[in-house]
Amino acid sequence: MKLLPTFQRPKITSAHIIAVVALAVGMAGSATAAVVISGADIKNNSVSTKDIKDKSLLLKDFKGSERKKLKGATGAQGPVGPQGPAGAAGGTGAPGAAGASGFTPPPSGTLVSGSRVHSLQVSGSILLRDYIELPFRTIVPLTEGVTGRNLWFAPAASVLDTEENATACPGNADAPNPVAGNLCIYIDQTGNVTANSIDTFAGLYISDINGPGDTTGAAIRYLAAAAGEVSIRYVWAYKAP
């Protein structure tokens, strides 16, 4: 009778175990390498928005030139906001310069001028008078005296020759330019006035030519040529010394 061979289970040794582990590690390494994808493995223009996780990209993921494009267009101006509370009161400012006063002379070099019209009906050839009231007081009193005279007419046909002074009173009625310290009278127009009859004196009344003078004004006197309407129009000007 023929005997059949007896089946024996193979004996597992440590060498077998090491071989299996090595095989598993090798296979795992190959699998890991297979899932690493670079830009070279992606087809151009193939990645779309559905392939990117929502809200995952950061600003630094874009280059500078593209980041500038992310700034939106300027929108419409919003409504004006409510007015803020009033601020604290500011400090007191420095005092301003003192204003001019009729009680004090004008500053040196200041030109002050005015114009007047004197017109009335007369019954014949009579003397008439008009008064120039200055809006200030002069530093040096006005005088028509021989010494230190500072009250003059600019040359005109209706003015007494001794009352004219072209040097002290340059200019004209439109552009008076008296020399500093002088009150000058520029005759602009006359009607029914005797030629070479107009003269002047300091103050309200005819003063003594050797008197102290006046600081408030001057008068002019002239002769009507005939009965009827007589008129005189003139400009006075004073430049402070």
C-alpha atoms as a PDB file:
ATOM      1  CA  MET A   1       0.000   0.000   0.000  1.00  0.00           C
ATOM      2  CA  LYS A   2       1.373   3.340  -1.125  1.00  0.00           C
ATOM      3  CA  LEU A   3       1.459   6.142   1.486  1.00  0.00           C
ATOM      4  CA  LEU A   4       0.409   9.718   0.528  1.00  0.00           C
ATOM      5  CA  PRO A   5       2.828  12.573   1.416  1.00  0.00           C
ATOM      6  CA  THR A   6       1.931  14.421   4.601  1.00  0.00           C
ATOM      7  CA  PHE A   7       1.020  18.289   4.135  1.00  0.00           C
ATOM      8  CA  GLN A   8       2.973  20.518   6.444  1.00  0.00           C
ATOM      9  CA  ARG A   9       2.146  24.205   7.198  1.00  0.00           C
ATOM     10  CA  PRO A  10       5.080  26.445   6.252  1.00  0.00           C
ATOM     11  CA  LYS A  11       6.802  27.984   9.183  1.00  0.00           C
ATOM     12  CA  ILE A  12       6.744  31.861   9.250  1.00  0.00           C
ATOM     13  CA  THR A  13      10.032  33.318  10.216  1.00  0.00           C
ATOM     14  CA  SER A  14      11.139  36.853  11.104  1.00  0.00           C
ATOM     15  CA  ALA A  15      12.631  37.134   7.645  1.00  0.00           C
ATOM     16  CA  HIS A  16       9.172  36.701   6.172  1.00  0.00           C
ATOM     17  CA  ILE A  17       7.761  39.471   8.373  1.00  0.00           C
ATOM     18  CA  ILE A  18      10.517  41.917   7.447  1.00  0.00           C
ATOM     19  CA  ALA A  19       9.960  41.236   3.754  1.00  0.00           C
ATOM     20  CA  VAL A  20       6.203  41.909   4.049  1.00  0.00           C
ATOM     21  CA  VAL A  21       6.769  45.162   5.926  1.00  0.00           C
ATOM     22  CA  ALA A  22       9.328  46.307   3.360  1.00  0.00           C
ATOM     23  CA  LEU A  23       6.905  45.553   0.561  1.00  0.00           C
ATOM     24  CA  ALA A  24       4.119  47.515   2.279  1.00  0.00           C
ATOM     25  CA  VAL A  25       6.367  50.524   2.850  1.00  0.00           C
ATOM     26  CA  GLY A  26       7.521  50.433  -0.746  1.00  0.00           C
ATOM     27  CA  MET A  27       3.976  50.330  -2.029  1.00  0.00           C
ATOM     28  CA  ALA A  28       2.896  53.196   0.291  1.00  0.00           C
ATOM     29  CA  GLY A  29       5.786  55.369  -0.953  1.00  0.00           C
ATOM     30  CA  SER A  30       4.770  54.816  -4.543  1.00  0.00           C
ATOM     31  CA  ALA A  31       1.166  55.745  -3.762  1.00  0.00           C
ATOM     32  CA  THR A  32       2.207  58.958  -1.997  1.00  0.00           C
ATOM     33  CA  ALA A  33       4.398  60.066  -4.893  1.00  0.00           C
ATOM     34  CA  ALA A  34       1.531  59.467  -7.298  1.00  0.00           C
ATOM     35  CA  VAL A  35      -0.767  62.127  -5.674  1.00  0.00           C
ATOM     36  CA  VAL A  36       1.777  65.036  -5.581  1.00  0.00           C
ATOM     37  CA  ILE A  37       0.724  67.382  -8.447  1.00  0.00           C
ATOM     38  CA  SER A  38       2.695  70.405  -9.642  1.00  0.00           C
ATOM     39  CA  GLY A  39       1.814  73.240 -12.036  1.00  0.00           C
ATOM     40  CA  ALA A  40       3.444  71.273 -14.854  1.00  0.00           C
ATOM     41  CA  ASP A  41       0.858  68.484 -14.374  1.00  0.00           C
ATOM     42  CA  ILE A  42      -2.153  70.881 -14.748  1.00  0.00           C
ATOM     43  CA  LYS A  43      -3.432  71.792 -18.174  1.00  0.00           C
ATOM     44  CA  ASN A  44      -3.530  75.545 -18.820  1.00  0.00           C
ATOM     45  CA  ASN A  45      -6.977  77.166 -18.416  1.00  0.00           C
ATOM     46  CA  SER A  46      -8.380  73.941 -16.979  1.00  0.00           C
ATOM     47  CA  VAL A  47      -8.914  74.984 -13.313  1.00  0.00           C
ATOM     48  CA  SER A  48     -12.252  76.792 -12.793  1.00  0.00           C
ATOM     49  CA  THR A  49     -13.955  78.403  -9.842  1.00  0.00           C
ATOM     50  CA  LYS A  50     -15.672  75.167  -8.834  1.00  0.00           C
ATOM     51  CA  ASP A  51     -12.243  73.567  -8.366  1.00  0.00           C
ATOM     52  CA  ILE A  52     -11.199  76.215  -5.782  1.00  0.00           C
ATOM     53  CA  LYS A  53     -12.479  76.142  -2.261  1.00  0.00           C
ATOM     54  CA  ASP A  54     -14.716  79.087  -1.507  1.00  0.00           C
ATOM     55  CA  LYS A  55     -13.109  81.876   0.573  1.00  0.00           C
ATOM     56  CA  SER A  56      -9.759  80.123   0.531  1.00  0.00           C
ATOM     57  CA  LEU A  57      -7.649  82.540  -1.588  1.00  0.00           C
ATOM     58  CA  LEU A  58      -5.760  85.326   0.198  1.00  0.00           C
ATOM     59  CA  LEU A  59      -4.711  88.750  -1.082  1.00  0.00           C
ATOM     60  CA  LYS A  60      -1.076  87.655  -1.019  1.00  0.00           C
ATOM     61  CA  ASP A  61      -1.939  84.950  -3.558  1.00  0.00           C
ATOM     62  CA  PHE A  62      -2.255  87.670  -6.220  1.00  0.00           C
ATOM     63  CA  LYS A  63       0.639  89.669  -7.661  1.00  0.00           C
ATOM     64  CA  GLY A  64       0.832  93.385  -6.973  1.00  0.00           C
ATOM     65  CA  SER A  65      -0.502  94.581 -10.322  1.00  0.00           C
ATOM     66  CA  GLU A  66      -3.576  92.405  -9.908  1.00  0.00           C
ATOM     67  CA  ARG A  67      -4.171  93.533  -6.326  1.00  0.00           C
ATOM     68  CA  LYS A  68      -4.485  97.128  -7.574  1.00  0.00           C
ATOM     69  CA  LYS A  69      -7.274  96.030  -9.902  1.00  0.00           C
ATOM     70  CA  LEU A  70      -9.259  94.699  -6.976  1.00  0.00           C
ATOM     71  CA  LYS A  71      -9.989  98.291  -5.842  1.00  0.00           C
ATOM     72  CA  GLY A  72     -13.516  99.064  -6.953  1.00  0.00           C
ATOM     73  CA  ALA A  73     -14.708 102.154  -8.801  1.00  0.00           C
ATOM     74  CA  THR A  74     -15.556 105.235  -6.742  1.00  0.00           C
ATOM     75  CA  GLY A  75     -19.157 105.104  -5.677  1.00  0.00           C
ATOM     76  CA  ALA A  76     -21.637 107.939  -5.388  1.00  0.00           C
ATOM     77  CA  GLN A  77     -21.059 110.417  -2.598  1.00  0.00           C
ATOM     78  CA  GLY A  78     -22.979 109.588   0.491  1.00  0.00           C
ATOM     79  CA  PRO A  79     -25.356 111.985   2.261  1.00  0.00           C
ATOM     80  CA  VAL A  80     -23.963 114.777   4.415  1.00  0.00           C
ATOM     81  CA  GLY A  81     -23.518 113.674   7.964  1.00  0.00           C
ATOM     82  CA  PRO A  82     -25.021 115.512  10.924  1.00  0.00           C
ATOM     83  CA  GLN A  83     -23.273 118.634  12.163  1.00  0.00           C
ATOM     84  CA  GLY A  84     -20.845 118.003  14.945  1.00  0.00           C
ATOM     85  CA  PRO A  85     -20.956 119.769  18.281  1.00  0.00           C
ATOM     86  CA  ALA A  86     -19.658 123.329  18.529  1.00  0.00           C
ATOM     87  CA  GLY A  87     -15.979 123.601  19.358  1.00  0.00           C
ATOM     88  CA  ALA A  88     -14.569 125.424  22.309  1.00  0.00           C
ATOM     89  CA  ALA A  89     -14.316 129.208  22.077  1.00  0.00           C
ATOM     90  CA  GLY A  90     -10.999 130.446  20.741  1.00  0.00           C
ATOM     91  CA  GLY A  91      -8.659 132.744  22.552  1.00  0.00           C
ATOM     92  CA  THR A  92      -9.005 136.508  22.423  1.00  0.00           C
ATOM     93  CA  GLY A  93      -7.280 138.024  19.403  1.00  0.00           C
ATOM     94  CA  ALA A  94      -4.827 140.873  19.479  1.00  0.00           C
ATOM     95  CA  PRO A  95      -6.365 144.383  19.555  1.00  0.00           C
ATOM     96  CA  GLY A  96      -6.776 145.973  16.134  1.00  0.00           C
ATOM     97  CA  ALA A  97      -5.259 149.236  15.072  1.00  0.00           C
ATOM     98  CA  ALA A  98      -6.993 152.354  16.312  1.00  0.00           C
ATOM     99  CA  GLY A  99      -9.389 153.872  13.786  1.00  0.00           C
ATOM    100  CA  ALA A 100      -9.192 157.419  12.522  1.00  0.00           C
ATOM    101  CA  SER A 101     -10.958 160.070  14.565  1.00  0.00           C
ATOM    102  CA  GLY A 102     -12.237 163.513  13.664  1.00  0.00           C
ATOM    103  CA  PHE A 103     -10.569 164.792  16.823  1.00  0.00           C
ATOM    104  CA  THR A 104      -7.070 163.791  15.750  1.00  0.00           C
ATOM    105  CA  PRO A 105      -5.051 164.764  12.668  1.00  0.00           C
ATOM    106  CA  PRO A 106      -4.800 162.131   9.901  1.00  0.00           C
ATOM    107  CA  PRO A 107      -1.575 160.093   9.687  1.00  0.00           C
ATOM    108  CA  SER A 108       1.342 161.698   7.896  1.00  0.00           C
ATOM    109  CA  GLY A 109       1.026 161.562   4.107  1.00  0.00           C
ATOM    110  CA  THR A 110      -2.729 160.898   4.169  1.00  0.00           C
ATOM    111  CA  LEU A 111      -4.703 162.722   1.471  1.00  0.00           C
ATOM    112  CA  VAL A 112      -8.183 163.860   2.496  1.00  0.00           C
ATOM    113  CA  SER A 113     -10.444 165.608   0.004  1.00  0.00           C
ATOM    114  CA  GLY A 114     -14.036 166.688  -0.571  1.00  0.00           C
ATOM    115  CA  SER A 115     -16.191 168.575  -3.061  1.00  0.00           C
ATOM    116  CA  ARG A 116     -18.773 171.312  -2.752  1.00  0.00           C
ATOM    117  CA  VAL A 117     -21.332 173.133  -4.892  1.00  0.00           C
ATOM    118  CA  HIS A 118     -22.528 176.601  -3.869  1.00  0.00           C
ATOM    119  CA  SER A 119     -25.504 177.894  -5.895  1.00  0.00           C
ATOM    120  CA  LEU A 120     -28.150 180.550  -5.221  1.00  0.00           C
ATOM    121  CA  GLN A 121     -30.156 183.410  -6.697  1.00  0.00           C
ATOM    122  CA  VAL A 122     -28.869 186.943  -6.114  1.00  0.00           C
ATOM    123  CA  SER A 123     -30.392 190.357  -6.687  1.00  0.00           C
ATOM    124  CA  GLY A 124     -27.213 191.941  -7.949  1.00  0.00           C
ATOM    125  CA  SER A 125     -23.433 192.054  -7.735  1.00  0.00           C
ATOM    126  CA  ILE A 126     -22.854 191.065  -4.095  1.00  0.00           C
ATOM    127  CA  LEU A 127     -20.191 189.237  -2.089  1.00  0.00           C
ATOM    128  CA  LEU A 128     -20.955 185.610  -1.263  1.00  0.00           C
ATOM    129  CA  ARG A 129     -19.277 183.123   1.063  1.00  0.00           C
ATOM    130  CA  ASP A 130     -19.041 179.333   1.408  1.00  0.00           C
ATOM    131  CA  TYR A 131     -17.410 177.345   4.194  1.00  0.00           C
ATOM    132  CA  ILE A 132     -15.222 174.207   4.108  1.00  0.00           C
ATOM    133  CA  GLU A 133     -15.669 172.260   7.342  1.00  0.00           C
ATOM    134  CA  LEU A 134     -12.857 169.740   7.681  1.00  0.00           C
ATOM    135  CA  PRO A 135     -13.672 166.274   9.130  1.00  0.00           C
ATOM    136  CA  PHE A 136     -10.511 166.472  11.263  1.00  0.00           C
ATOM    137  CA  ARG A 137      -8.214 168.995  12.910  1.00  0.00           C
ATOM    138  CA  THR A 138      -4.983 169.974  11.218  1.00  0.00           C
ATOM    139  CA  ILE A 139      -1.687 169.661  13.107  1.00  0.00           C
ATOM    140  CA  VAL A 140      -0.502 173.071  11.955  1.00  0.00           C
ATOM    141  CA  PRO A 141      -3.214 175.769  11.983  1.00  0.00           C
ATOM    142  CA  LEU A 142      -4.353 176.969   8.587  1.00  0.00           C
ATOM    143  CA  THR A 143      -3.340 180.504   7.724  1.00  0.00           C
ATOM    144  CA  GLU A 144      -3.517 182.842   4.770  1.00  0.00           C
ATOM    145  CA  GLY A 145      -0.844 185.028   6.320  1.00  0.00           C
ATOM    146  CA  VAL A 146       2.333 185.987   4.533  1.00  0.00           C
ATOM    147  CA  THR A 147       4.489 183.911   6.867  1.00  0.00           C
ATOM    148  CA  GLY A 148       3.919 180.160   6.774  1.00  0.00           C
ATOM    149  CA  ARG A 149       0.880 180.331   4.528  1.00  0.00           C
ATOM    150  CA  ASN A 150      -0.661 176.891   3.882  1.00  0.00           C
ATOM    151  CA  LEU A 151      -4.079 177.811   2.454  1.00  0.00           C
ATOM    152  CA  TRP A 152      -4.090 178.251  -1.348  1.00  0.00           C
ATOM    153  CA  PHE A 153      -5.993 177.963  -4.617  1.00  0.00           C
ATOM    154  CA  ALA A 154      -4.751 176.087  -7.641  1.00  0.00           C
ATOM    155  CA  PRO A 155      -4.450 178.619 -10.505  1.00  0.00           C
ATOM    156  CA  ALA A 156      -7.850 179.579 -12.030  1.00  0.00           C
ATOM    157  CA  ALA A 157      -9.164 182.595 -13.955  1.00  0.00           C
ATOM    158  CA  SER A 158     -11.779 183.408 -11.312  1.00  0.00           C
ATOM    159  CA  VAL A 159      -9.243 183.460  -8.400  1.00  0.00           C
ATOM    160  CA  LEU A 160      -7.247 186.430  -7.154  1.00  0.00           C
ATOM    161  CA  ASP A 161      -3.712 186.118  -8.434  1.00  0.00           C
ATOM    162  CA  THR A 162      -2.259 186.543  -4.949  1.00  0.00           C
ATOM    163  CA  GLU A 163      -4.298 183.541  -3.752  1.00  0.00           C
ATOM    164  CA  GLU A 164      -2.916 181.118  -6.374  1.00  0.00           C
ATOM    165  CA  ASN A 165       0.048 178.802  -5.881  1.00  0.00           C
ATOM    166  CA  ALA A 166       0.762 176.169  -8.517  1.00  0.00           C
ATOM    167  CA  THR A 167       3.785 174.850  -6.568  1.00  0.00           C
ATOM    168  CA  ALA A 168       1.863 174.184  -3.338  1.00  0.00           C
ATOM    169  CA  CYS A 169      -1.244 172.933  -5.181  1.00  0.00           C
ATOM    170  CA  PRO A 170      -0.321 170.750  -8.166  1.00  0.00           C
ATOM    171  CA  GLY A 171      -2.951 168.602  -9.834  1.00  0.00           C
ATOM    172  CA  ASN A 172      -6.545 169.547 -10.619  1.00  0.00           C
ATOM    173  CA  ALA A 173     -10.104 169.011  -9.405  1.00  0.00           C
ATOM    174  CA  ASP A 174     -10.144 165.470 -10.804  1.00  0.00           C
ATOM    175  CA  ALA A 175      -6.758 164.546  -9.329  1.00  0.00           C
ATOM    176  CA  PRO A 176      -5.777 166.929  -6.522  1.00  0.00           C
ATOM    177  CA  ASN A 177      -2.259 166.507  -5.195  1.00  0.00           C
ATOM    178  CA  PRO A 178      -1.425 169.175  -2.630  1.00  0.00           C
ATOM    179  CA  VAL A 179       2.032 169.390  -1.097  1.00  0.00           C
ATOM    180  CA  ALA A 180       1.965 167.972   2.455  1.00  0.00           C
ATOM    181  CA  GLY A 181       0.783 170.515   5.022  1.00  0.00           C
ATOM    182  CA  ASN A 182      -1.323 172.548   2.574  1.00  0.00           C
ATOM    183  CA  LEU A 183      -5.075 172.872   2.160  1.00  0.00           C
ATOM    184  CA  CYS A 184      -5.645 173.486  -1.547  1.00  0.00           C
ATOM    185  CA  ILE A 185      -8.849 174.553  -3.309  1.00  0.00           C
ATOM    186  CA  TYR A 186      -9.355 173.536  -6.944  1.00  0.00           C
ATOM    187  CA  ILE A 187     -12.069 175.571  -8.762  1.00  0.00           C
ATOM    188  CA  ASP A 188     -13.898 173.240 -11.156  1.00  0.00           C
ATOM    189  CA  GLN A 189     -16.700 175.433 -12.528  1.00  0.00           C
ATOM    190  CA  THR A 190     -18.236 178.875 -11.948  1.00  0.00           C
ATOM    191  CA  GLY A 191     -21.334 180.662 -13.195  1.00  0.00           C
ATOM    192  CA  ASN A 192     -22.031 184.389 -12.963  1.00  0.00           C
ATOM    193  CA  VAL A 193     -18.869 184.924 -10.875  1.00  0.00           C
ATOM    194  CA  THR A 194     -16.706 187.996 -11.349  1.00  0.00           C
ATOM    195  CA  ALA A 195     -13.320 187.092 -12.791  1.00  0.00           C
ATOM    196  CA  ASN A 196     -10.357 187.323 -10.435  1.00  0.00           C
ATOM    197  CA  SER A 197     -12.610 187.782  -7.395  1.00  0.00           C
ATOM    198  CA  ILE A 198     -12.387 184.542  -5.394  1.00  0.00           C
ATOM    199  CA  ASP A 199     -10.231 184.526  -2.285  1.00  0.00           C
ATOM    200  CA  THR A 200      -9.999 182.466   0.931  1.00  0.00           C
ATOM    201  CA  PHE A 201      -9.296 182.813   4.623  1.00  0.00           C
ATOM    202  CA  ALA A 202      -8.827 180.467   7.564  1.00  0.00           C
ATOM    203  CA  GLY A 203     -11.732 179.731   9.863  1.00  0.00           C
ATOM    204  CA  LEU A 204     -15.409 180.590   9.713  1.00  0.00           C
ATOM    205  CA  TYR A 205     -14.951 184.351   9.792  1.00  0.00           C
ATOM    206  CA  ILE A 206     -12.564 186.660   8.044  1.00  0.00           C
ATOM    207  CA  SER A 207      -9.534 186.499  10.279  1.00  0.00           C
ATOM    208  CA  ASP A 208      -6.623 188.796  10.736  1.00  0.00           C
ATOM    209  CA  ILE A 209      -3.891 187.668   8.344  1.00  0.00           C
ATOM    210  CA  ASN A 210      -1.480 187.861  11.251  1.00  0.00           C
ATOM    211  CA  GLY A 211      -3.792 185.906  13.597  1.00  0.00           C
ATOM    212  CA  PRO A 212      -3.227 182.385  15.005  1.00  0.00           C
ATOM    213  CA  GLY A 213      -5.090 180.664  12.177  1.00  0.00           C
ATOM    214  CA  ASP A 214      -7.635 177.831  12.419  1.00  0.00           C
ATOM    215  CA  THR A 215      -7.489 174.004  12.550  1.00  0.00           C
ATOM    216  CA  THR A 216     -11.109 173.217  11.663  1.00  0.00           C
ATOM    217  CA  GLY A 217     -11.712 174.656   8.199  1.00  0.00           C
ATOM    218  CA  ALA A 218     -11.602 177.584   5.797  1.00  0.00           C
ATOM    219  CA  ALA A 219     -13.979 179.863   3.914  1.00  0.00           C
ATOM    220  CA  ILE A 220     -14.005 181.148   0.367  1.00  0.00           C
ATOM    221  CA  ARG A 221     -15.464 184.479  -0.745  1.00  0.00           C
ATOM    222  CA  TYR A 222     -16.436 185.572  -4.225  1.00  0.00           C
ATOM    223  CA  LEU A 223     -18.333 188.332  -6.055  1.00  0.00           C
ATOM    224  CA  ALA A 224     -21.470 187.720  -8.109  1.00  0.00           C
ATOM    225  CA  ALA A 225     -21.181 189.378 -11.490  1.00  0.00           C
ATOM    226  CA  ALA A 226     -24.887 190.291 -11.836  1.00  0.00           C
ATOM    227  CA  ALA A 227     -28.373 189.522 -10.621  1.00  0.00           C
ATOM    228  CA  GLY A 228     -29.621 185.994 -11.228  1.00  0.00           C
ATOM    229  CA  GLU A 229     -28.300 182.539 -10.427  1.00  0.00           C
ATOM    230  CA  VAL A 230     -24.689 182.315  -9.325  1.00  0.00           C
ATOM    231  CA  SER A 231     -22.814 179.086  -8.736  1.00  0.00           C
ATOM    232  CA  ILE A 232     -19.402 177.741  -7.919  1.00  0.00           C
ATOM    233  CA  ARG A 233     -18.193 174.139  -7.812  1.00  0.00           C
ATOM    234  CA  TYR A 234     -14.831 173.178  -6.331  1.00  0.00           C
ATOM    235  CA  VAL A 235     -12.753 170.452  -4.690  1.00  0.00           C
ATOM    236  CA  TRP A 236     -10.681 170.893  -1.557  1.00  0.00           C
ATOM    237  CA  ALA A 237      -7.768 168.617  -0.647  1.00  0.00           C
ATOM    238  CA  TYR A 238      -5.404 168.363   2.317  1.00  0.00           C
ATOM    239  CA  LYS A 239      -2.330 166.190   2.734  1.00  0.00           C
ATOM    240  CA  ALA A 240      -1.156 165.613   6.287  1.00  0.00           C
ATOM    241  CA  PRO A 241       2.488 166.637   6.923  1.00  0.00           C
END
